Amino acid sequence: MIDLNQYLRDTAYPGRGIVLGRTADNKKAAIAYFIMGRSENSRNRVFEATEDGIRTKAFDESKMTDPSLIIYHPVRVLPNGLTVVTNGDQTDTIRDHIAMGNCYRHALNTRTFEPDGPNWTPRISGVVKPDGSYNLSILKSLDGDPSCCCRYFFEYDRPVAGVGHFISTYQGDGNPLPSFEGEPKRAAITAATAREWADQLWESLNEDNKVSLFVEFIDLESGARESVILNKHQ
């Protein structure tokens, strides 16, 4: 099990990342999602709360040059209580397929990695169920070969108190950027509140590259949500 804060401090550019898990008191589901950026266009963003989750939006509309892969709804809470967290517009693909009676796997089998060669940025996705169990997925090219999409699904039906799983788009900086490899990393969740965890993660992200962070604790008994949004551009 990794110290996620130390891992983030040691990794200048993990890109976008999702953490799903359970709080140490075993009473709440834990969610974190962050975005980072190297270009002015990527860094010109903030998270904004919506009725069913959050969206990304331009901080300065005059500087937005290409919204296609950076403006989307990272988090949506569905009517059936599922919480969907992703790094792109596949959030809506999952929502729409679940509304039709399908599952998140069915939805992601219709999608591939992002069309941003030579990086071919992976699409990472998570689903948290009302009972706190959760799924993670990554869609990525085959070792940088865009002719093949590799789809990996990881399902955790009995979360452990104080443990989460972390997945990101990249393993670090580079040209092209190296895609995440292997299973999601098992990480300790020790914070007592969403705000405490958000502060820990935000401090650990690279100061130059971090853009926005969303953290949420969901009470498994009442369904109450404690949410925190942190933006570099306030």
C-alpha atoms as a PDB file:
ATOM      1  CA  MET A   1       0.000   0.000   0.000  1.00  0.00           C
ATOM      2  CA  ILE A   2       1.474   3.320  -1.085  1.00  0.00           C
ATOM      3  CA  ASP A   3       1.565   6.650   0.694  1.00  0.00           C
ATOM      4  CA  LEU A   4      -0.405   8.516  -1.958  1.00  0.00           C
ATOM      5  CA  ASN A   5       0.736  11.936  -0.788  1.00  0.00           C
ATOM      6  CA  GLN A   6       4.384  10.918  -1.138  1.00  0.00           C
ATOM      7  CA  TYR A   7       3.710   9.256  -4.486  1.00  0.00           C
ATOM      8  CA  LEU A   8       2.183  12.471  -5.825  1.00  0.00           C
ATOM      9  CA  ARG A   9       5.052  14.553  -4.478  1.00  0.00           C
ATOM     10  CA  ASP A  10       7.477  12.257  -6.305  1.00  0.00           C
ATOM     11  CA  THR A  11       5.508  12.278  -9.590  1.00  0.00           C
ATOM     12  CA  ALA A  12       5.670  15.629 -11.347  1.00  0.00           C
ATOM     13  CA  TYR A  13       2.959  14.842 -13.856  1.00  0.00           C
ATOM     14  CA  PRO A  14       0.454  12.022 -13.200  1.00  0.00           C
ATOM     15  CA  GLY A  15      -1.993  13.974 -15.386  1.00  0.00           C
ATOM     16  CA  ARG A  16      -5.528  13.291 -14.214  1.00  0.00           C
ATOM     17  CA  GLY A  17      -6.188  10.932 -11.322  1.00  0.00           C
ATOM     18  CA  ILE A  18      -9.045   9.129  -9.575  1.00  0.00           C
ATOM     19  CA  VAL A  19      -9.042   7.687  -6.059  1.00  0.00           C
ATOM     20  CA  LEU A  20     -11.953   5.586  -4.793  1.00  0.00           C
ATOM     21  CA  GLY A  21     -12.118   3.888  -1.410  1.00  0.00           C
ATOM     22  CA  ARG A  22     -13.409   3.825   2.156  1.00  0.00           C
ATOM     23  CA  THR A  23     -12.695   6.102   5.106  1.00  0.00           C
ATOM     24  CA  ALA A  24     -10.780   4.752   8.092  1.00  0.00           C
ATOM     25  CA  ASP A  25     -13.915   4.634  10.263  1.00  0.00           C
ATOM     26  CA  ASN A  26     -15.586   2.439   7.611  1.00  0.00           C
ATOM     27  CA  LYS A  27     -18.612   4.754   7.511  1.00  0.00           C
ATOM     28  CA  LYS A  28     -18.078   6.680   4.272  1.00  0.00           C
ATOM     29  CA  ALA A  29     -17.183   6.127   0.662  1.00  0.00           C
ATOM     30  CA  ALA A  30     -14.259   8.327  -0.419  1.00  0.00           C
ATOM     31  CA  ILE A  31     -13.791   9.910  -3.843  1.00  0.00           C
ATOM     32  CA  ALA A  32     -11.033  12.160  -5.191  1.00  0.00           C
ATOM     33  CA  TYR A  33     -10.454  13.450  -8.704  1.00  0.00           C
ATOM     34  CA  PHE A  34      -7.768  15.885  -9.824  1.00  0.00           C
ATOM     35  CA  ILE A  35      -6.627  17.451 -13.078  1.00  0.00           C
ATOM     36  CA  MET A  36      -3.226  18.817 -14.025  1.00  0.00           C
ATOM     37  CA  GLY A  37      -1.979  20.673 -17.088  1.00  0.00           C
ATOM     38  CA  ARG A  38       1.223  21.497 -18.959  1.00  0.00           C
ATOM     39  CA  SER A  39      -0.197  23.854 -21.612  1.00  0.00           C
ATOM     40  CA  GLU A  40      -1.857  27.225 -21.041  1.00  0.00           C
ATOM     41  CA  ASN A  41      -5.092  25.802 -22.450  1.00  0.00           C
ATOM     42  CA  SER A  42      -5.116  22.885 -19.988  1.00  0.00           C
ATOM     43  CA  ARG A  43      -4.214  25.090 -17.039  1.00  0.00           C
ATOM     44  CA  ASN A  44      -6.956  27.606 -17.857  1.00  0.00           C
ATOM     45  CA  ARG A  45      -9.663  25.609 -16.059  1.00  0.00           C
ATOM     46  CA  VAL A  46     -11.604  25.378 -12.822  1.00  0.00           C
ATOM     47  CA  PHE A  47     -14.061  22.918 -11.311  1.00  0.00           C
ATOM     48  CA  GLU A  48     -17.576  24.219 -10.755  1.00  0.00           C
ATOM     49  CA  ALA A  49     -20.369  22.494  -8.808  1.00  0.00           C
ATOM     50  CA  THR A  50     -23.511  21.467 -10.717  1.00  0.00           C
ATOM     51  CA  GLU A  51     -26.845  20.014  -9.635  1.00  0.00           C
ATOM     52  CA  ASP A  52     -25.581  16.475 -10.191  1.00  0.00           C
ATOM     53  CA  GLY A  53     -21.825  16.768  -9.642  1.00  0.00           C
ATOM     54  CA  ILE A  54     -19.172  19.024 -11.127  1.00  0.00           C
ATOM     55  CA  ARG A  55     -18.038  20.336 -14.498  1.00  0.00           C
ATOM     56  CA  THR A  56     -14.872  21.874 -15.861  1.00  0.00           C
ATOM     57  CA  LYS A  57     -15.042  25.386 -17.292  1.00  0.00           C
ATOM     58  CA  ALA A  58     -12.587  27.927 -18.618  1.00  0.00           C
ATOM     59  CA  PHE A  59     -11.243  30.318 -16.015  1.00  0.00           C
ATOM     60  CA  ASP A  60     -10.583  32.928 -18.702  1.00  0.00           C
ATOM     61  CA  GLU A  61     -12.846  32.358 -21.711  1.00  0.00           C
ATOM     62  CA  SER A  62     -10.664  34.597 -23.892  1.00  0.00           C
ATOM     63  CA  LYS A  63      -7.714  32.210 -23.507  1.00  0.00           C
ATOM     64  CA  MET A  64      -9.606  28.995 -24.335  1.00  0.00           C
ATOM     65  CA  THR A  65      -8.311  27.658 -27.652  1.00  0.00           C
ATOM     66  CA  ASP A  66      -9.643  24.082 -27.854  1.00  0.00           C
ATOM     67  CA  PRO A  67     -12.333  22.848 -25.451  1.00  0.00           C
ATOM     68  CA  SER A  68     -12.781  19.411 -27.058  1.00  0.00           C
ATOM     69  CA  LEU A  69     -10.915  17.247 -24.526  1.00  0.00           C
ATOM     70  CA  ILE A  70     -10.807  19.531 -21.483  1.00  0.00           C
ATOM     71  CA  ILE A  71     -14.392  20.746 -20.977  1.00  0.00           C
ATOM     72  CA  TYR A  72     -16.665  17.995 -19.607  1.00  0.00           C
ATOM     73  CA  HIS A  73     -18.500  16.768 -16.492  1.00  0.00           C
ATOM     74  CA  PRO A  74     -15.989  14.771 -14.404  1.00  0.00           C
ATOM     75  CA  VAL A  75     -18.590  13.788 -11.779  1.00  0.00           C
ATOM     76  CA  ARG A  76     -22.275  12.967 -12.138  1.00  0.00           C
ATOM     77  CA  VAL A  77     -24.569  11.485  -9.492  1.00  0.00           C
ATOM     78  CA  LEU A  78     -27.212   9.364 -11.215  1.00  0.00           C
ATOM     79  CA  PRO A  79     -30.853   8.988 -10.139  1.00  0.00           C
ATOM     80  CA  ASN A  80     -30.188   5.418  -8.964  1.00  0.00           C
ATOM     81  CA  GLY A  81     -27.513   6.664  -6.534  1.00  0.00           C
ATOM     82  CA  LEU A  82     -24.442   5.698  -8.553  1.00  0.00           C
ATOM     83  CA  THR A  83     -21.631   8.247  -8.660  1.00  0.00           C
ATOM     84  CA  VAL A  84     -19.661   8.335 -11.916  1.00  0.00           C
ATOM     85  CA  VAL A  85     -16.171   9.883 -11.992  1.00  0.00           C
ATOM     86  CA  THR A  86     -14.122  10.128 -15.197  1.00  0.00           C
ATOM     87  CA  ASN A  87     -11.502  12.206 -16.975  1.00  0.00           C
ATOM     88  CA  GLY A  88     -13.648  13.007 -20.018  1.00  0.00           C
ATOM     89  CA  ASP A  89     -17.027  13.009 -21.699  1.00  0.00           C
ATOM     90  CA  GLN A  90     -17.327   9.268 -21.114  1.00  0.00           C
ATOM     91  CA  THR A  91     -19.043  10.339 -17.872  1.00  0.00           C
ATOM     92  CA  ASP A  92     -22.078  11.041 -20.019  1.00  0.00           C
ATOM     93  CA  THR A  93     -21.619   7.831 -22.016  1.00  0.00           C
ATOM     94  CA  ILE A  94     -21.774   5.825 -18.779  1.00  0.00           C
ATOM     95  CA  ARG A  95     -24.781   7.817 -17.550  1.00  0.00           C
ATOM     96  CA  ASP A  96     -26.678   7.308 -20.796  1.00  0.00           C
ATOM     97  CA  HIS A  97     -25.999   3.577 -21.011  1.00  0.00           C
ATOM     98  CA  ILE A  98     -27.010   2.996 -17.401  1.00  0.00           C
ATOM     99  CA  ALA A  99     -30.255   4.889 -18.104  1.00  0.00           C
ATOM    100  CA  MET A 100     -30.877   2.363 -20.909  1.00  0.00           C
ATOM    101  CA  GLY A 101     -30.400  -0.537 -18.502  1.00  0.00           C
ATOM    102  CA  ASN A 102     -26.810  -1.370 -19.378  1.00  0.00           C
ATOM    103  CA  CYS A 103     -23.698  -1.279 -17.162  1.00  0.00           C
ATOM    104  CA  TYR A 104     -20.569   0.855 -17.150  1.00  0.00           C
ATOM    105  CA  ARG A 105     -18.607  -1.849 -18.976  1.00  0.00           C
ATOM    106  CA  HIS A 106     -21.122  -1.860 -21.812  1.00  0.00           C
ATOM    107  CA  ALA A 107     -20.749   1.916 -22.034  1.00  0.00           C
ATOM    108  CA  LEU A 108     -16.951   1.904 -22.083  1.00  0.00           C
ATOM    109  CA  ASN A 109     -16.822  -0.803 -24.733  1.00  0.00           C
ATOM    110  CA  THR A 110     -18.119   1.905 -27.085  1.00  0.00           C
ATOM    111  CA  ARG A 111     -15.222   4.275 -26.270  1.00  0.00           C
ATOM    112  CA  THR A 112     -11.443   4.330 -26.719  1.00  0.00           C
ATOM    113  CA  PHE A 113      -8.513   6.427 -25.488  1.00  0.00           C
ATOM    114  CA  GLU A 114      -8.392  10.127 -26.353  1.00  0.00           C
ATOM    115  CA  PRO A 115      -7.454  11.078 -29.965  1.00  0.00           C
ATOM    116  CA  ASP A 116      -4.461  13.181 -28.952  1.00  0.00           C
ATOM    117  CA  GLY A 117      -1.516  11.382 -30.534  1.00  0.00           C
ATOM    118  CA  PRO A 118       1.277  10.774 -29.830  1.00  0.00           C
ATOM    119  CA  ASN A 119       0.141  10.647 -26.171  1.00  0.00           C
ATOM    120  CA  TRP A 120      -3.138   8.784 -26.806  1.00  0.00           C
ATOM    121  CA  THR A 121      -4.212   9.788 -23.296  1.00  0.00           C
ATOM    122  CA  PRO A 122      -6.022   6.950 -21.488  1.00  0.00           C
ATOM    123  CA  ARG A 123      -9.633   7.365 -20.451  1.00  0.00           C
ATOM    124  CA  ILE A 124      -9.935   6.557 -16.750  1.00  0.00           C
ATOM    125  CA  SER A 125     -13.336   6.011 -15.141  1.00  0.00           C
ATOM    126  CA  GLY A 126     -14.811   5.087 -11.779  1.00  0.00           C
ATOM    127  CA  VAL A 127     -18.249   4.140 -10.497  1.00  0.00           C
ATOM    128  CA  VAL A 128     -19.219   4.197  -6.812  1.00  0.00           C
ATOM    129  CA  LYS A 129     -22.368   2.304  -5.830  1.00  0.00           C
ATOM    130  CA  PRO A 130     -24.692   3.347  -2.979  1.00  0.00           C
ATOM    131  CA  ASP A 131     -23.270   0.564  -0.777  1.00  0.00           C
ATOM    132  CA  GLY A 132     -19.738   1.958  -1.244  1.00  0.00           C
ATOM    133  CA  SER A 133     -18.432  -0.780  -3.528  1.00  0.00           C
ATOM    134  CA  TYR A 134     -16.691   0.604  -6.587  1.00  0.00           C
ATOM    135  CA  ASN A 135     -15.245  -0.057 -10.020  1.00  0.00           C
ATOM    136  CA  LEU A 136     -12.318   1.462 -11.897  1.00  0.00           C
ATOM    137  CA  SER A 137     -11.401   1.277 -15.563  1.00  0.00           C
ATOM    138  CA  ILE A 138      -8.719   2.427 -17.975  1.00  0.00           C
ATOM    139  CA  LEU A 139      -8.896   2.470 -21.780  1.00  0.00           C
ATOM    140  CA  LYS A 140      -5.441   2.834 -23.321  1.00  0.00           C
ATOM    141  CA  SER A 141      -3.458   2.230 -26.475  1.00  0.00           C
ATOM    142  CA  LEU A 142      -1.312  -0.879 -26.804  1.00  0.00           C
ATOM    143  CA  ASP A 143       2.121   0.454 -25.842  1.00  0.00           C
ATOM    144  CA  GLY A 144       1.468   3.647 -27.811  1.00  0.00           C
ATOM    145  CA  ASP A 145       0.041   1.852 -30.847  1.00  0.00           C
ATOM    146  CA  PRO A 146      -3.319   3.531 -31.602  1.00  0.00           C
ATOM    147  CA  SER A 147      -4.505   0.642 -33.792  1.00  0.00           C
ATOM    148  CA  CYS A 148      -5.419  -1.329 -30.642  1.00  0.00           C
ATOM    149  CA  CYS A 149      -7.450  -0.203 -27.623  1.00  0.00           C
ATOM    150  CA  CYS A 150      -6.862  -2.151 -24.415  1.00  0.00           C
ATOM    151  CA  ARG A 151      -9.762  -2.024 -21.931  1.00  0.00           C
ATOM    152  CA  TYR A 152      -9.107  -2.932 -18.305  1.00  0.00           C
ATOM    153  CA  PHE A 153     -11.767  -3.188 -15.589  1.00  0.00           C
ATOM    154  CA  PHE A 154     -11.150  -3.491 -11.845  1.00  0.00           C
ATOM    155  CA  GLU A 155     -14.012  -4.189  -9.434  1.00  0.00           C
ATOM    156  CA  TYR A 156     -13.941  -3.934  -5.645  1.00  0.00           C
ATOM    157  CA  ASP A 157     -17.058  -5.462  -4.106  1.00  0.00           C
ATOM    158  CA  ARG A 158     -16.059  -5.250  -0.439  1.00  0.00           C
ATOM    159  CA  PRO A 159     -14.004  -2.114   0.297  1.00  0.00           C
ATOM    160  CA  VAL A 160     -11.659  -2.169   3.271  1.00  0.00           C
ATOM    161  CA  ALA A 161     -11.687   0.597   5.898  1.00  0.00           C
ATOM    162  CA  GLY A 162      -8.915   3.123   5.316  1.00  0.00           C
ATOM    163  CA  VAL A 163      -7.997   1.757   1.887  1.00  0.00           C
ATOM    164  CA  GLY A 164      -8.508   3.234  -1.569  1.00  0.00           C
ATOM    165  CA  HIS A 165      -7.349   2.558  -5.108  1.00  0.00           C
ATOM    166  CA  PHE A 166      -5.661   5.158  -7.298  1.00  0.00           C
ATOM    167  CA  ILE A 167      -5.418   5.294 -11.071  1.00  0.00           C
ATOM    168  CA  SER A 168      -4.070   8.096 -13.269  1.00  0.00           C
ATOM    169  CA  THR A 169      -3.626   8.836 -16.934  1.00  0.00           C
ATOM    170  CA  TYR A 170       0.181   8.960 -16.851  1.00  0.00           C
ATOM    171  CA  GLN A 171       3.082   7.544 -14.869  1.00  0.00           C
ATOM    172  CA  GLY A 172       5.063  10.768 -15.049  1.00  0.00           C
ATOM    173  CA  ASP A 173       6.273  13.458 -17.414  1.00  0.00           C
ATOM    174  CA  GLY A 174       7.736  12.815 -20.857  1.00  0.00           C
ATOM    175  CA  ASN A 175       7.290  13.214 -24.618  1.00  0.00           C
ATOM    176  CA  PRO A 176       5.188  11.325 -25.387  1.00  0.00           C
ATOM    177  CA  LEU A 177       3.625  10.997 -21.943  1.00  0.00           C
ATOM    178  CA  PRO A 178       3.915   7.446 -20.548  1.00  0.00           C
ATOM    179  CA  SER A 179       0.494   5.892 -19.903  1.00  0.00           C
ATOM    180  CA  PHE A 180      -0.387   4.393 -16.517  1.00  0.00           C
ATOM    181  CA  GLU A 181       0.512   0.707 -16.260  1.00  0.00           C
ATOM    182  CA  GLY A 182      -0.646  -2.153 -14.047  1.00  0.00           C
ATOM    183  CA  GLU A 183      -3.428  -2.414 -11.497  1.00  0.00           C
ATOM    184  CA  PRO A 184      -4.703   0.635  -9.615  1.00  0.00           C
ATOM    185  CA  LYS A 185      -2.370   1.420  -6.739  1.00  0.00           C
ATOM    186  CA  ARG A 186      -3.622   0.562  -3.249  1.00  0.00           C
ATOM    187  CA  ALA A 187      -3.418   3.691  -1.106  1.00  0.00           C
ATOM    188  CA  ALA A 188      -4.121   4.544   2.523  1.00  0.00           C
ATOM    189  CA  ILE A 189      -6.985   6.939   3.329  1.00  0.00           C
ATOM    190  CA  THR A 190      -6.457   8.338   6.827  1.00  0.00           C
ATOM    191  CA  ALA A 191      -8.174  11.736   6.741  1.00  0.00           C
ATOM    192  CA  ALA A 192     -11.176  12.199   9.024  1.00  0.00           C
ATOM    193  CA  THR A 193     -12.934  14.716   6.774  1.00  0.00           C
ATOM    194  CA  ALA A 194     -13.164  15.490   3.082  1.00  0.00           C
ATOM    195  CA  ARG A 195     -11.526  18.858   3.693  1.00  0.00           C
ATOM    196  CA  GLU A 196      -8.568  17.280   5.487  1.00  0.00           C
ATOM    197  CA  TRP A 197      -8.026  14.815   2.633  1.00  0.00           C
ATOM    198  CA  ALA A 198      -8.396  17.552   0.023  1.00  0.00           C
ATOM    199  CA  ASP A 199      -5.767  19.670   1.769  1.00  0.00           C
ATOM    200  CA  GLN A 200      -3.369  16.706   1.922  1.00  0.00           C
ATOM    201  CA  LEU A 201      -3.770  15.860  -1.761  1.00  0.00           C
ATOM    202  CA  TRP A 202      -3.640  19.471  -2.934  1.00  0.00           C
ATOM    203  CA  GLU A 203      -0.408  20.117  -1.059  1.00  0.00           C
ATOM    204  CA  SER A 204       1.096  16.966  -2.596  1.00  0.00           C
ATOM    205  CA  LEU A 205       0.337  17.832  -6.241  1.00  0.00           C
ATOM    206  CA  ASN A 206       3.065  19.570  -8.244  1.00  0.00           C
ATOM    207  CA  GLU A 207       2.685  23.318  -7.760  1.00  0.00           C
ATOM    208  CA  ASP A 208       3.340  24.222 -11.406  1.00  0.00           C
ATOM    209  CA  ASN A 209       1.076  21.580 -12.946  1.00  0.00           C
ATOM    210  CA  LYS A 210      -1.897  21.214 -10.598  1.00  0.00           C
ATOM    211  CA  VAL A 211      -5.157  22.762 -11.776  1.00  0.00           C
ATOM    212  CA  SER A 212      -8.185  21.537  -9.797  1.00  0.00           C
ATOM    213  CA  LEU A 213      -9.199  18.938  -7.198  1.00  0.00           C
ATOM    214  CA  PHE A 214     -12.543  17.462  -6.131  1.00  0.00           C
ATOM    215  CA  VAL A 215     -12.965  15.384  -2.959  1.00  0.00           C
ATOM    216  CA  GLU A 216     -16.157  13.866  -1.599  1.00  0.00           C
ATOM    217  CA  PHE A 217     -17.099  11.666   1.364  1.00  0.00           C
ATOM    218  CA  ILE A 218     -20.473   9.875   1.122  1.00  0.00           C
ATOM    219  CA  ASP A 219     -22.103   8.681   4.341  1.00  0.00           C
ATOM    220  CA  LEU A 220     -23.090   5.061   3.659  1.00  0.00           C
ATOM    221  CA  GLU A 221     -26.009   5.177   6.088  1.00  0.00           C
ATOM    222  CA  SER A 222     -27.621   8.526   5.333  1.00  0.00           C
ATOM    223  CA  GLY A 223     -26.266   9.192   1.843  1.00  0.00           C
ATOM    224  CA  ALA A 224     -25.137  12.674   2.915  1.00  0.00           C
ATOM    225  CA  ARG A 225     -22.275  14.107   0.840  1.00  0.00           C
ATOM    226  CA  GLU A 226     -19.384  16.221   2.105  1.00  0.00           C
ATOM    227  CA  SER A 227     -17.719  17.815  -0.929  1.00  0.00           C
ATOM    228  CA  VAL A 228     -14.683  20.043  -1.435  1.00  0.00           C
ATOM    229  CA  ILE A 229     -13.479  21.808  -4.600  1.00  0.00           C
ATOM    230  CA  LEU A 230     -10.039  23.399  -4.809  1.00  0.00           C
ATOM    231  CA  ASN A 231      -8.959  25.432  -7.859  1.00  0.00           C
ATOM    232  CA  LYS A 232      -5.573  27.001  -8.527  1.00  0.00           C
ATOM    233  CA  HIS A 233      -7.453  29.858 -10.223  1.00  0.00           C
ATOM    234  CA  GLN A 234      -9.880  31.174  -7.625  1.00  0.00           C
END
